[in-house]
C-alpha cells in the first residue's frame, strides 16, 4: 500500500465508521496520547523499565499503527499529501546529511 492509498483508505474508514474526523486539536492530542503509548512499549521492551502486570499484552506494531493512523488523519484533514511530503523530506535530508552521519565518530562507522 502506498502512502497515498493509505490516506484514501483511512479517509474512507473515517467516513464509513467514524462519521467524521475529530477536530485537528483533538487529533493532535490523540497523536500525543498514542505516541506516549508507543513510548511506554519501547521503554519497557528496550529500556530499563519493566512491564507492569496489566501491560503484558502491549503490542509494539499495534502502537506504531495507532500513531500512523492519527498522523494520517491529521494529514487528510489539513490537506497534506504525505507521499509528496516524504519525497521532499528525503530529498532535504539527503542534501543536508549526505556526509554528516558517515563522519560521526559517535556512530562507530566514521571513515578515518
PDB file of N, CA and C in Angstrom:
ATOM      1  N   UNK A   1       0.846  -1.174   0.000  1.00  0.00           N
ATOM      2  CA  UNK A   1       0.000   0.000   0.000  1.00  0.00           C
ATOM      3  C   UNK A   1       0.897   1.245   0.000  1.00  0.00           C
ATOM      4  N   UNK A   2       0.629   2.154  -0.905  1.00  0.00           N
ATOM      5  CA  UNK A   2       1.377   3.411  -0.926  1.00  0.00           C
ATOM      6  C   UNK A   2       0.845   4.333   0.175  1.00  0.00           C
ATOM      7  N   UNK A   3       1.574   5.379   0.431  1.00  0.00           N
ATOM      8  CA  UNK A   3       1.110   6.359   1.413  1.00  0.00           C
ATOM      9  C   UNK A   3      -0.179   7.019   0.923  1.00  0.00           C
ATOM     10  N   UNK A   4      -0.254   7.292  -0.370  1.00  0.00           N
ATOM     11  CA  UNK A   4      -1.463   7.882  -0.939  1.00  0.00           C
ATOM     12  C   UNK A   4      -2.650   6.938  -0.755  1.00  0.00           C
ATOM     13  N   UNK A   5      -2.431   5.659  -1.014  1.00  0.00           N
ATOM     14  CA  UNK A   5      -3.502   4.681  -0.805  1.00  0.00           C
ATOM     15  C   UNK A   5      -3.905   4.610   0.666  1.00  0.00           C
ATOM     16  N   UNK A   6      -2.927   4.688   1.558  1.00  0.00           N
ATOM     17  CA  UNK A   6      -3.221   4.684   2.986  1.00  0.00           C
ATOM     18  C   UNK A   6      -4.095   5.878   3.364  1.00  0.00           C
ATOM     19  N   UNK A   7      -3.747   7.048   2.844  1.00  0.00           N
ATOM     20  CA  UNK A   7      -4.545   8.241   3.138  1.00  0.00           C
ATOM     21  C   UNK A   7      -5.986   8.058   2.656  1.00  0.00           C
ATOM     22  N   UNK A   8      -6.148   7.509   1.470  1.00  0.00           N
ATOM     23  CA  UNK A   8      -7.500   7.282   0.928  1.00  0.00           C
ATOM     24  C   UNK A   8      -8.249   6.236   1.747  1.00  0.00           C
ATOM     25  N   UNK A   9      -7.560   5.164   2.120  1.00  0.00           N
ATOM     26  CA  UNK A   9      -8.188   4.093   2.901  1.00  0.00           C
ATOM     27  C   UNK A   9      -8.672   4.608   4.250  1.00  0.00           C
ATOM     28  N   UNK A  10      -7.837   5.389   4.911  1.00  0.00           N
ATOM     29  CA  UNK A  10      -8.230   5.927   6.209  1.00  0.00           C
ATOM     30  C   UNK A  10      -9.367   6.933   6.051  1.00  0.00           C
ATOM     31  N   UNK A  11      -9.334   7.735   5.003  1.00  0.00           N
ATOM     32  CA  UNK A  11     -10.431   8.675   4.766  1.00  0.00           C
ATOM     33  C   UNK A  11     -11.747   7.915   4.572  1.00  0.00           C
ATOM     34  N   UNK A  12     -11.703   6.849   3.793  1.00  0.00           N
ATOM     35  CA  UNK A  12     -12.908   6.031   3.593  1.00  0.00           C
ATOM     36  C   UNK A  12     -13.380   5.436   4.911  1.00  0.00           C
ATOM     37  N   UNK A  13     -12.449   4.944   5.718  1.00  0.00           N
ATOM     38  CA  UNK A  13     -12.801   4.348   7.005  1.00  0.00           C
ATOM     39  C   UNK A  13     -13.474   5.377   7.902  1.00  0.00           C
ATOM     40  N   UNK A  14     -12.896   6.577   7.960  1.00  0.00           N
ATOM     41  CA  UNK A  14     -13.464   7.642   8.797  1.00  0.00           C
ATOM     42  C   UNK A  14     -14.904   7.916   8.387  1.00  0.00           C
ATOM     43  N   UNK A  15     -15.153   8.047   7.107  1.00  0.00           N
ATOM     44  CA  UNK A  15     -16.499   8.381   6.654  1.00  0.00           C
ATOM     45  C   UNK A  15     -17.483   7.219   6.785  1.00  0.00           C
ATOM     46  N   UNK A  16     -16.963   6.001   6.760  1.00  0.00           N
ATOM     47  CA  UNK A  16     -17.831   4.835   6.882  1.00  0.00           C
ATOM     48  C   UNK A  16     -18.081   4.439   8.336  1.00  0.00           C
ATOM     49  N   UNK A  17     -17.051   4.518   9.164  1.00  0.00           N
ATOM     50  CA  UNK A  17     -17.156   4.024  10.543  1.00  0.00           C
ATOM     51  C   UNK A  17     -17.044   5.117  11.599  1.00  0.00           C
ATOM     52  N   UNK A  18     -16.390   6.194  11.262  1.00  0.00           N
ATOM     53  CA  UNK A  18     -16.141   7.218  12.267  1.00  0.00           C
ATOM     54  C   UNK A  18     -17.027   8.438  12.125  1.00  0.00           C
ATOM     55  N   UNK A  19     -17.872   8.478  11.135  1.00  0.00           N
ATOM     56  CA  UNK A  19     -18.790   9.579  10.838  1.00  0.00           C
ATOM     57  C   UNK A  19     -18.050  10.790  10.295  1.00  0.00           C
ATOM     58  N   UNK A  20     -17.097  11.317  11.062  1.00  0.00           N
ATOM     59  CA  UNK A  20     -16.312  12.472  10.610  1.00  0.00           C
ATOM     60  C   UNK A  20     -14.997  12.472  11.373  1.00  0.00           C
ATOM     61  N   UNK A  21     -14.074  13.313  10.908  1.00  0.00           N
ATOM     62  CA  UNK A  21     -12.806  13.471  11.625  1.00  0.00           C
ATOM     63  C   UNK A  21     -13.049  14.241  12.919  1.00  0.00           C
ATOM     64  N   UNK A  22     -12.287  13.897  13.955  1.00  0.00           N
ATOM     65  CA  UNK A  22     -12.245  14.752  15.132  1.00  0.00           C
ATOM     66  C   UNK A  22     -11.581  16.056  14.708  1.00  0.00           C
ATOM     67  N   UNK A  23     -11.691  17.088  15.498  1.00  0.00           N
ATOM     68  CA  UNK A  23     -11.025  18.347  15.162  1.00  0.00           C
ATOM     69  C   UNK A  23      -9.510  18.145  15.128  1.00  0.00           C
ATOM     70  N   UNK A  24      -8.833  19.053  14.457  1.00  0.00           N
ATOM     71  CA  UNK A  24      -7.370  18.980  14.380  1.00  0.00           C
ATOM     72  C   UNK A  24      -6.749  19.009  15.771  1.00  0.00           C
ATOM     73  N   UNK A  25      -7.297  19.828  16.641  1.00  0.00           N
ATOM     74  CA  UNK A  25      -6.762  19.922  18.004  1.00  0.00           C
ATOM     75  C   UNK A  25      -6.964  18.609  18.760  1.00  0.00           C
ATOM     76  N   UNK A  26      -8.138  18.012  18.619  1.00  0.00           N
ATOM     77  CA  UNK A  26      -8.389  16.719  19.265  1.00  0.00           C
ATOM     78  C   UNK A  26      -7.450  15.662  18.706  1.00  0.00           C
ATOM     79  N   UNK A  27      -7.283  15.643  17.386  1.00  0.00           N
ATOM     80  CA  UNK A  27      -6.386  14.648  16.797  1.00  0.00           C
ATOM     81  C   UNK A  27      -4.936  14.879  17.210  1.00  0.00           C
ATOM     82  N   UNK A  28      -4.537  16.128  17.402  1.00  0.00           N
ATOM     83  CA  UNK A  28      -3.180  16.382  17.884  1.00  0.00           C
ATOM     84  C   UNK A  28      -3.014  15.824  19.289  1.00  0.00           C
ATOM     85  N   UNK A  29      -4.025  16.006  20.121  1.00  0.00           N
ATOM     86  CA  UNK A  29      -3.981  15.438  21.477  1.00  0.00           C
ATOM     87  C   UNK A  29      -3.944  13.911  21.408  1.00  0.00           C
ATOM     88  N   UNK A  30      -4.734  13.330  20.500  1.00  0.00           N
ATOM     89  CA  UNK A  30      -4.729  11.871  20.343  1.00  0.00           C
ATOM     90  C   UNK A  30      -3.380  11.368  19.836  1.00  0.00           C
ATOM     91  N   UNK A  31      -2.749  12.120  18.935  1.00  0.00           N
ATOM     92  CA  UNK A  31      -1.424  11.738  18.443  1.00  0.00           C
ATOM     93  C   UNK A  31      -0.415  11.725  19.591  1.00  0.00           C
ATOM     94  N   UNK A  32      -0.513  12.724  20.448  1.00  0.00           N
ATOM     95  CA  UNK A  32       0.368  12.777  21.617  1.00  0.00           C
ATOM     96  C   UNK A  32       0.115  11.585  22.539  1.00  0.00           C
ATOM     97  N   UNK A  33      -1.152  11.270  22.755  1.00  0.00           N
ATOM     98  CA  UNK A  33      -1.517  10.126  23.591  1.00  0.00           C
ATOM     99  C   UNK A  33      -0.994   8.819  23.002  1.00  0.00           C
ATOM    100  N   UNK A  34      -1.202   8.629  21.710  1.00  0.00           N
ATOM    101  CA  UNK A  34      -0.741   7.398  21.057  1.00  0.00           C
ATOM    102  C   UNK A  34       0.785   7.298  21.053  1.00  0.00           C
ATOM    103  N   UNK A  35       1.448   8.432  20.886  1.00  0.00           N
ATOM    104  CA  UNK A  35       2.915   8.446  20.929  1.00  0.00           C
ATOM    105  C   UNK A  35       3.403   8.047  22.315  1.00  0.00           C
ATOM    106  N   UNK A  36       2.702   8.506  23.345  1.00  0.00           N
ATOM    107  CA  UNK A  36       3.043   8.110  24.714  1.00  0.00           C
ATOM    108  C   UNK A  36       2.880   6.616  24.932  1.00  0.00           C
ATOM    109  N   UNK A  37       1.829   6.049  24.364  1.00  0.00           N
ATOM    110  CA  UNK A  37       1.623   4.603  24.485  1.00  0.00           C
ATOM    111  C   UNK A  37       2.730   3.834  23.769  1.00  0.00           C
ATOM    112  N   UNK A  38       3.158   4.332  22.616  1.00  0.00           N
ATOM    113  CA  UNK A  38       4.281   3.724  21.901  1.00  0.00           C
ATOM    114  C   UNK A  38       5.557   3.843  22.742  1.00  0.00           C
ATOM    115  N   UNK A  39       5.756   5.001  23.330  1.00  0.00           N
ATOM    116  CA  UNK A  39       6.943   5.206  24.172  1.00  0.00           C
ATOM    117  C   UNK A  39       6.957   4.238  25.355  1.00  0.00           C
ATOM    118  N   UNK A  40       5.790   3.953  25.921  1.00  0.00           N
ATOM    119  CA  UNK A  40       5.702   3.011  27.043  1.00  0.00           C
ATOM    120  C   UNK A  40       6.195   1.628  26.611  1.00  0.00           C
ATOM    121  N   UNK A  41       5.748   1.175  25.448  1.00  0.00           N
ATOM    122  CA  UNK A  41       6.167  -0.142  24.965  1.00  0.00           C
ATOM    123  C   UNK A  41       7.671  -0.159  24.706  1.00  0.00           C
ATOM    124  N   UNK A  42       8.189   0.882  24.083  1.00  0.00           N
ATOM    125  CA  UNK A  42       9.630   0.961  23.791  1.00  0.00           C
ATOM    126  C   UNK A  42      10.431   0.972  25.099  1.00  0.00           C
ATOM    127  N   UNK A  43       9.993   1.781  26.055  1.00  0.00           N
ATOM    128  CA  UNK A  43      10.717   1.893  27.331  1.00  0.00           C
ATOM    129  C   UNK A  43      10.761   0.563  28.075  1.00  0.00           C
ATOM    130  N   UNK A  44       9.678  -0.194  28.001  1.00  0.00           N
ATOM    131  CA  UNK A  44       9.621  -1.451  28.729  1.00  0.00           C
ATOM    132  C   UNK A  44      10.264  -2.600  27.947  1.00  0.00           C
ATOM    133  N   UNK A  45      10.256  -2.522  26.645  1.00  0.00           N
ATOM    134  CA  UNK A  45      10.840  -3.584  25.832  1.00  0.00           C
ATOM    135  C   UNK A  45      12.343  -3.406  25.652  1.00  0.00           C
ATOM    136  N   UNK A  46      12.771  -2.167  25.400  1.00  0.00           N
ATOM    137  CA  UNK A  46      14.180  -1.913  25.079  1.00  0.00           C
ATOM    138  C   UNK A  46      14.910  -1.092  26.128  1.00  0.00           C
ATOM    139  N   UNK A  47      14.162  -0.482  27.035  1.00  0.00           N
ATOM    140  CA  UNK A  47      14.768   0.339  28.074  1.00  0.00           C
ATOM    141  C   UNK A  47      14.862  -0.406  29.390  1.00  0.00           C
ATOM    142  N   UNK A  48      15.074   0.337  30.439  1.00  0.00           N
ATOM    143  CA  UNK A  48      15.276  -0.254  31.756  1.00  0.00           C
ATOM    144  C   UNK A  48      13.984  -0.519  32.523  1.00  0.00           C
ATOM    145  N   UNK A  49      12.868   0.026  32.057  1.00  0.00           N
ATOM    146  CA  UNK A  49      11.622  -0.190  32.783  1.00  0.00           C
ATOM    147  C   UNK A  49      11.096  -1.604  32.556  1.00  0.00           C
ATOM    148  N   UNK A  50      10.418  -2.130  33.562  1.00  0.00           N
ATOM    149  CA  UNK A  50       9.803  -3.445  33.425  1.00  0.00           C
ATOM    150  C   UNK A  50       8.308  -3.273  33.188  1.00  0.00           C
ATOM    151  N   UNK A  51       7.708  -4.299  32.618  1.00  0.00           N
ATOM    152  CA  UNK A  51       6.270  -4.266  32.369  1.00  0.00           C
ATOM    153  C   UNK A  51       5.515  -4.412  33.677  1.00  0.00           C
ATOM    154  N   UNK A  52       4.423  -3.685  33.801  1.00  0.00           N
ATOM    155  CA  UNK A  52       3.501  -3.882  34.907  1.00  0.00           C
ATOM    156  C   UNK A  52       2.659  -5.107  34.556  1.00  0.00           C
ATOM    157  N   UNK A  53       2.019  -5.687  35.558  1.00  0.00           N
ATOM    158  CA  UNK A  53       1.239  -6.903  35.329  1.00  0.00           C
ATOM    159  C   UNK A  53       0.170  -6.713  34.251  1.00  0.00           C
ATOM    160  N   UNK A  54      -0.472  -5.545  34.219  1.00  0.00           N
ATOM    161  CA  UNK A  54      -1.545  -5.307  33.249  1.00  0.00           C
ATOM    162  C   UNK A  54      -1.021  -4.843  31.886  1.00  0.00           C
ATOM    163  N   UNK A  55       0.290  -4.830  31.689  1.00  0.00           N
ATOM    164  CA  UNK A  55       0.887  -4.380  30.431  1.00  0.00           C
ATOM    165  C   UNK A  55       1.511  -5.526  29.636  1.00  0.00           C
ATOM    166  N   UNK A  56       1.262  -6.744  30.014  1.00  0.00           N
ATOM    167  CA  UNK A  56       1.911  -7.896  29.373  1.00  0.00           C
ATOM    168  C   UNK A  56       1.521  -8.042  27.902  1.00  0.00           C
ATOM    169  N   UNK A  57       0.366  -7.533  27.503  1.00  0.00           N
ATOM    170  CA  UNK A  57      -0.104  -7.717  26.138  1.00  0.00           C
ATOM    171  C   UNK A  57       0.102  -6.489  25.254  1.00  0.00           C
ATOM    172  N   UNK A  58       0.978  -5.575  25.672  1.00  0.00           N
ATOM    173  CA  UNK A  58       1.227  -4.395  24.849  1.00  0.00           C
ATOM    174  C   UNK A  58       1.871  -4.830  23.539  1.00  0.00           C
ATOM    175  N   UNK A  59       1.481  -4.165  22.459  1.00  0.00           N
ATOM    176  CA  UNK A  59       1.860  -4.579  21.116  1.00  0.00           C
ATOM    177  C   UNK A  59       2.593  -3.440  20.400  1.00  0.00           C
ATOM    178  N   UNK A  60       3.881  -3.609  20.159  1.00  0.00           N
ATOM    179  CA  UNK A  60       4.687  -2.572  19.509  1.00  0.00           C
ATOM    180  C   UNK A  60       4.122  -2.197  18.144  1.00  0.00           C
ATOM    181  N   UNK A  61       3.844  -3.181  17.302  1.00  0.00           N
ATOM    182  CA  UNK A  61       3.326  -2.902  15.961  1.00  0.00           C
ATOM    183  C   UNK A  61       1.975  -2.202  16.031  1.00  0.00           C
ATOM    184  N   UNK A  62       1.130  -2.639  16.920  1.00  0.00           N
ATOM    185  CA  UNK A  62      -0.183  -2.021  17.075  1.00  0.00           C
ATOM    186  C   UNK A  62      -0.093  -0.573  17.510  1.00  0.00           C
ATOM    187  N   UNK A  63       0.824  -0.294  18.423  1.00  0.00           N
ATOM    188  CA  UNK A  63       1.008   1.094  18.884  1.00  0.00           C
ATOM    189  C   UNK A  63       1.564   1.963  17.770  1.00  0.00           C
ATOM    190  N   UNK A  64       2.491   1.425  16.978  1.00  0.00           N
ATOM    191  CA  UNK A  64       3.012   2.182  15.835  1.00  0.00           C
ATOM    192  C   UNK A  64       1.896   2.467  14.834  1.00  0.00           C
ATOM    193  N   UNK A  65       1.055   1.471  14.590  1.00  0.00           N
ATOM    194  CA  UNK A  65      -0.066   1.654  13.658  1.00  0.00           C
ATOM    195  C   UNK A  65      -1.040   2.713  14.174  1.00  0.00           C
ATOM    196  N   UNK A  66      -1.270   2.743  15.489  1.00  0.00           N
ATOM    197  CA  UNK A  66      -2.161   3.759  16.065  1.00  0.00           C
ATOM    198  C   UNK A  66      -1.606   5.167  15.844  1.00  0.00           C
ATOM    199  N   UNK A  67      -0.292   5.327  16.019  1.00  0.00           N
ATOM    200  CA  UNK A  67       0.351   6.623  15.773  1.00  0.00           C
ATOM    201  C   UNK A  67       0.185   7.013  14.306  1.00  0.00           C
ATOM    202  N   UNK A  68       0.457   6.072  13.421  1.00  0.00           N
ATOM    203  CA  UNK A  68       0.354   6.339  11.990  1.00  0.00           C
ATOM    204  C   UNK A  68      -1.082   6.692  11.599  1.00  0.00           C
ATOM    205  N   UNK A  69      -2.055   5.989  12.148  1.00  0.00           N
ATOM    206  CA  UNK A  69      -3.463   6.249  11.846  1.00  0.00           C
ATOM    207  C   UNK A  69      -3.827   7.698  12.168  1.00  0.00           C
ATOM    208  N   UNK A  70      -3.477   8.149  13.353  1.00  0.00           N
ATOM    209  CA  UNK A  70      -3.841   9.515  13.749  1.00  0.00           C
ATOM    210  C   UNK A  70      -3.051  10.539  12.939  1.00  0.00           C
ATOM    211  N   UNK A  71      -1.788  10.259  12.648  1.00  0.00           N
ATOM    212  CA  UNK A  71      -0.988  11.163  11.828  1.00  0.00           C
ATOM    213  C   UNK A  71      -1.609  11.303  10.436  1.00  0.00           C
ATOM    214  N   UNK A  72      -2.042  10.197   9.858  1.00  0.00           N
ATOM    215  CA  UNK A  72      -2.688  10.249   8.546  1.00  0.00           C
ATOM    216  C   UNK A  72      -4.004  11.014   8.630  1.00  0.00           C
ATOM    217  N   UNK A  73      -4.758  10.838   9.706  1.00  0.00           N
ATOM    218  CA  UNK A  73      -5.984  11.625   9.893  1.00  0.00           C
ATOM    219  C   UNK A  73      -5.669  13.117   9.863  1.00  0.00           C
ATOM    220  N   UNK A  74      -4.645  13.524  10.578  1.00  0.00           N
ATOM    221  CA  UNK A  74      -4.251  14.938  10.595  1.00  0.00           C
ATOM    222  C   UNK A  74      -3.853  15.415   9.202  1.00  0.00           C
ATOM    223  N   UNK A  75      -3.114  14.600   8.493  1.00  0.00           N
ATOM    224  CA  UNK A  75      -2.715  14.967   7.131  1.00  0.00           C
ATOM    225  C   UNK A  75      -3.943  15.112   6.240  1.00  0.00           C
ATOM    226  N   UNK A  76      -4.843  14.171   6.331  1.00  0.00           N
ATOM    227  CA  UNK A  76      -6.049  14.226   5.497  1.00  0.00           C
ATOM    228  C   UNK A  76      -6.858  15.482   5.766  1.00  0.00           C
ATOM    229  N   UNK A  77      -7.072  15.788   7.019  1.00  0.00           N
ATOM    230  CA  UNK A  77      -7.959  16.907   7.328  1.00  0.00           C
ATOM    231  C   UNK A  77      -7.300  18.269   7.138  1.00  0.00           C
ATOM    232  N   UNK A  78      -5.966  18.292   7.012  1.00  0.00           N
ATOM    233  CA  UNK A  78      -5.275  19.567   6.780  1.00  0.00           C
ATOM    234  C   UNK A  78      -4.772  19.690   5.344  1.00  0.00           C
ATOM    235  N   UNK A  79      -5.094  18.696   4.506  1.00  0.00           N
ATOM    236  CA  UNK A  79      -4.743  18.778   3.096  1.00  0.00           C
ATOM    237  C   UNK A  79      -3.291  18.477   2.775  1.00  0.00           C
ATOM    238  N   UNK A  80      -2.614  17.737   3.631  1.00  0.00           N
ATOM    239  CA  UNK A  80      -1.215  17.399   3.393  1.00  0.00           C
ATOM    240  C   UNK A  80      -1.129  16.091   2.617  1.00  0.00           C
ATOM    241  N   UNK A  81      -0.411  16.108   1.516  1.00  0.00           N
ATOM    242  CA  UNK A  81      -0.109  14.918   0.737  1.00  0.00           C
ATOM    243  C   UNK A  81       1.153  14.314   1.346  1.00  0.00           C
ATOM    244  N   UNK A  82       0.985  13.297   2.182  1.00  0.00           N
ATOM    245  CA  UNK A  82       2.120  12.726   2.905  1.00  0.00           C
ATOM    246  C   UNK A  82       3.147  12.076   1.980  1.00  0.00           C
ATOM    247  N   UNK A  83       2.692  11.485   0.892  1.00  0.00           N
ATOM    248  CA  UNK A  83       3.639  10.860  -0.031  1.00  0.00           C
ATOM    249  C   UNK A  83       4.561  11.917  -0.637  1.00  0.00           C
ATOM    250  N   UNK A  84       3.983  13.009  -1.092  1.00  0.00           N
ATOM    251  CA  UNK A  84       4.775  14.114  -1.641  1.00  0.00           C
ATOM    252  C   UNK A  84       5.681  14.708  -0.559  1.00  0.00           C
ATOM    253  N   UNK A  85       5.129  14.884   0.629  1.00  0.00           N
ATOM    254  CA  UNK A  85       5.909  15.457   1.734  1.00  0.00           C
ATOM    255  C   UNK A  85       7.100  14.569   2.103  1.00  0.00           C
ATOM    256  N   UNK A  86       6.913  13.249   2.051  1.00  0.00           N
ATOM    257  CA  UNK A  86       8.018  12.339   2.365  1.00  0.00           C
ATOM    258  C   UNK A  86       9.102  12.386   1.295  1.00  0.00           C
ATOM    259  N   UNK A  87       8.711  12.474   0.038  1.00  0.00           N
ATOM    260  CA  UNK A  87       9.712  12.603  -1.038  1.00  0.00           C
ATOM    261  C   UNK A  87      10.525  13.884  -0.834  1.00  0.00           C
ATOM    262  N   UNK A  88       9.839  14.972  -0.497  1.00  0.00           N
ATOM    263  CA  UNK A  88      10.523  16.243  -0.264  1.00  0.00           C
ATOM    264  C   UNK A  88      11.419  16.169   0.972  1.00  0.00           C
ATOM    265  N   UNK A  89      10.945  15.518   2.032  1.00  0.00           N
ATOM    266  CA  UNK A  89      11.746  15.388   3.255  1.00  0.00           C
ATOM    267  C   UNK A  89      12.997  14.550   3.008  1.00  0.00           C
ATOM    268  N   UNK A  90      12.854  13.460   2.256  1.00  0.00           N
ATOM    269  CA  UNK A  90      14.024  12.624   1.960  1.00  0.00           C
ATOM    270  C   UNK A  90      15.047  13.371   1.109  1.00  0.00           C
ATOM    271  N   UNK A  91      14.581  14.157   0.161  1.00  0.00           N
ATOM    272  CA  UNK A  91      15.498  14.956  -0.662  1.00  0.00           C
ATOM    273  C   UNK A  91      16.221  15.979   0.203  1.00  0.00           C
ATOM    274  N   UNK A  92      15.487  16.619   1.097  1.00  0.00           N
ATOM    275  CA  UNK A  92      16.080  17.614   2.004  1.00  0.00           C
ATOM    276  C   UNK A  92      17.120  16.962   2.910  1.00  0.00           C
ATOM    277  N   UNK A  93      16.775  15.812   3.499  1.00  0.00           N
ATOM    278  CA  UNK A  93      17.694  15.110   4.394  1.00  0.00           C
ATOM    279  C   UNK A  93      18.922  14.614   3.632  1.00  0.00           C
ATOM    280  N   UNK A  94      18.728  14.132   2.418  1.00  0.00           N
ATOM    281  CA  UNK A  94      19.850  13.654   1.617  1.00  0.00           C
ATOM    282  C   UNK A  94      20.811  14.793   1.320  1.00  0.00           C
ATOM    283  N   UNK A  95      20.269  15.928   0.951  1.00  0.00           N
ATOM    284  CA  UNK A  95      21.104  17.091   0.653  1.00  0.00           C
ATOM    285  C   UNK A  95      21.855  17.567   1.898  1.00  0.00           C
ATOM    286  N   UNK A  96      21.156  17.622   3.000  1.00  0.00           N
ATOM    287  CA  UNK A  96      21.722  18.151   4.238  1.00  0.00           C
ATOM    288  C   UNK A  96      22.652  17.165   4.933  1.00  0.00           C
ATOM    289  N   UNK A  97      22.302  15.889   4.926  1.00  0.00           N
ATOM    290  CA  UNK A  97      23.002  14.910   5.766  1.00  0.00           C
ATOM    291  C   UNK A  97      23.808  13.880   4.979  1.00  0.00           C
ATOM    292  N   UNK A  98      24.060  14.161   3.710  1.00  0.00           N
ATOM    293  CA  UNK A  98      24.735  13.197   2.839  1.00  0.00           C
ATOM    294  C   UNK A  98      26.001  12.624   3.485  1.00  0.00           C
ATOM    295  N   UNK A  99      26.817  13.476   4.089  1.00  0.00           N
ATOM    296  CA  UNK A  99      28.083  13.024   4.666  1.00  0.00           C
ATOM    297  C   UNK A  99      28.102  13.110   6.190  1.00  0.00           C
ATOM    298  N   UNK A 100      27.141  13.787   6.747  1.00  0.00           N
ATOM    299  CA  UNK A 100      27.119  14.082   8.183  1.00  0.00           C
ATOM    300  C   UNK A 100      27.213  12.824   9.053  1.00  0.00           C
ATOM    301  N   UNK A 101      26.399  11.826   8.811  1.00  0.00           N
ATOM    302  CA  UNK A 101      26.354  10.661   9.692  1.00  0.00           C
ATOM    303  C   UNK A 101      27.524   9.714   9.456  1.00  0.00           C
ATOM    304  N   UNK A 102      27.997   9.621   8.223  1.00  0.00           N
ATOM    305  CA  UNK A 102      29.133   8.749   7.937  1.00  0.00           C
ATOM    306  C   UNK A 102      30.403   9.248   8.621  1.00  0.00           C
ATOM    307  N   UNK A 103      30.471  10.535   8.880  1.00  0.00           N
ATOM    308  CA  UNK A 103      31.642  11.105   9.539  1.00  0.00           C
ATOM    309  C   UNK A 103      31.486  11.268  11.039  1.00  0.00           C
ATOM    310  N   UNK A 104      30.436  10.736  11.622  1.00  0.00           N
ATOM    311  CA  UNK A 104      30.165  10.898  13.045  1.00  0.00           C
ATOM    312  C   UNK A 104      30.832   9.773  13.839  1.00  0.00           C
ATOM    313  N   UNK A 105      31.873  10.102  14.596  1.00  0.00           N
ATOM    314  CA  UNK A 105      32.570   9.056  15.366  1.00  0.00           C
ATOM    315  C   UNK A 105      31.685   8.436  16.448  1.00  0.00           C
ATOM    316  N   UNK A 106      30.645   9.109  16.853  1.00  0.00           N
ATOM    317  CA  UNK A 106      29.732   8.549  17.854  1.00  0.00           C
ATOM    318  C   UNK A 106      28.954   7.353  17.311  1.00  0.00           C
ATOM    319  N   UNK A 107      28.862   7.252  15.993  1.00  0.00           N
ATOM    320  CA  UNK A 107      28.132   6.136  15.386  1.00  0.00           C
ATOM    321  C   UNK A 107      29.038   4.939  15.118  1.00  0.00           C
ATOM    322  N   UNK A 108      30.335   5.107  15.312  1.00  0.00           N
ATOM    323  CA  UNK A 108      31.265   3.995  15.185  1.00  0.00           C
ATOM    324  C   UNK A 108      31.589   3.573  13.764  1.00  0.00           C
ATOM    325  N   UNK A 109      31.154   4.345  12.800  1.00  0.00           N
ATOM    326  CA  UNK A 109      31.453   3.973  11.422  1.00  0.00           C
ATOM    327  C   UNK A 109      32.145   5.104  10.681  1.00  0.00           C
ATOM    328  N   UNK A 110      32.765   5.997  11.429  1.00  0.00           N
ATOM    329  CA  UNK A 110      33.411   7.154  10.808  1.00  0.00           C
ATOM    330  C   UNK A 110      34.612   6.713  10.007  1.00  0.00           C
ATOM    331  N   UNK A 111      34.727   7.250   8.820  1.00  0.00           N
ATOM    332  CA  UNK A 111      35.884   6.960   7.959  1.00  0.00           C
ATOM    333  C   UNK A 111      37.040   7.835   8.436  1.00  0.00           C
ATOM    334  N   UNK A 112      38.137   7.197   8.719  1.00  0.00           N
ATOM    335  CA  UNK A 112      39.320   7.922   9.216  1.00  0.00           C
ATOM    336  C   UNK A 112      40.184   8.362   8.075  1.00  0.00           C
TER     337      UNK A 112
END
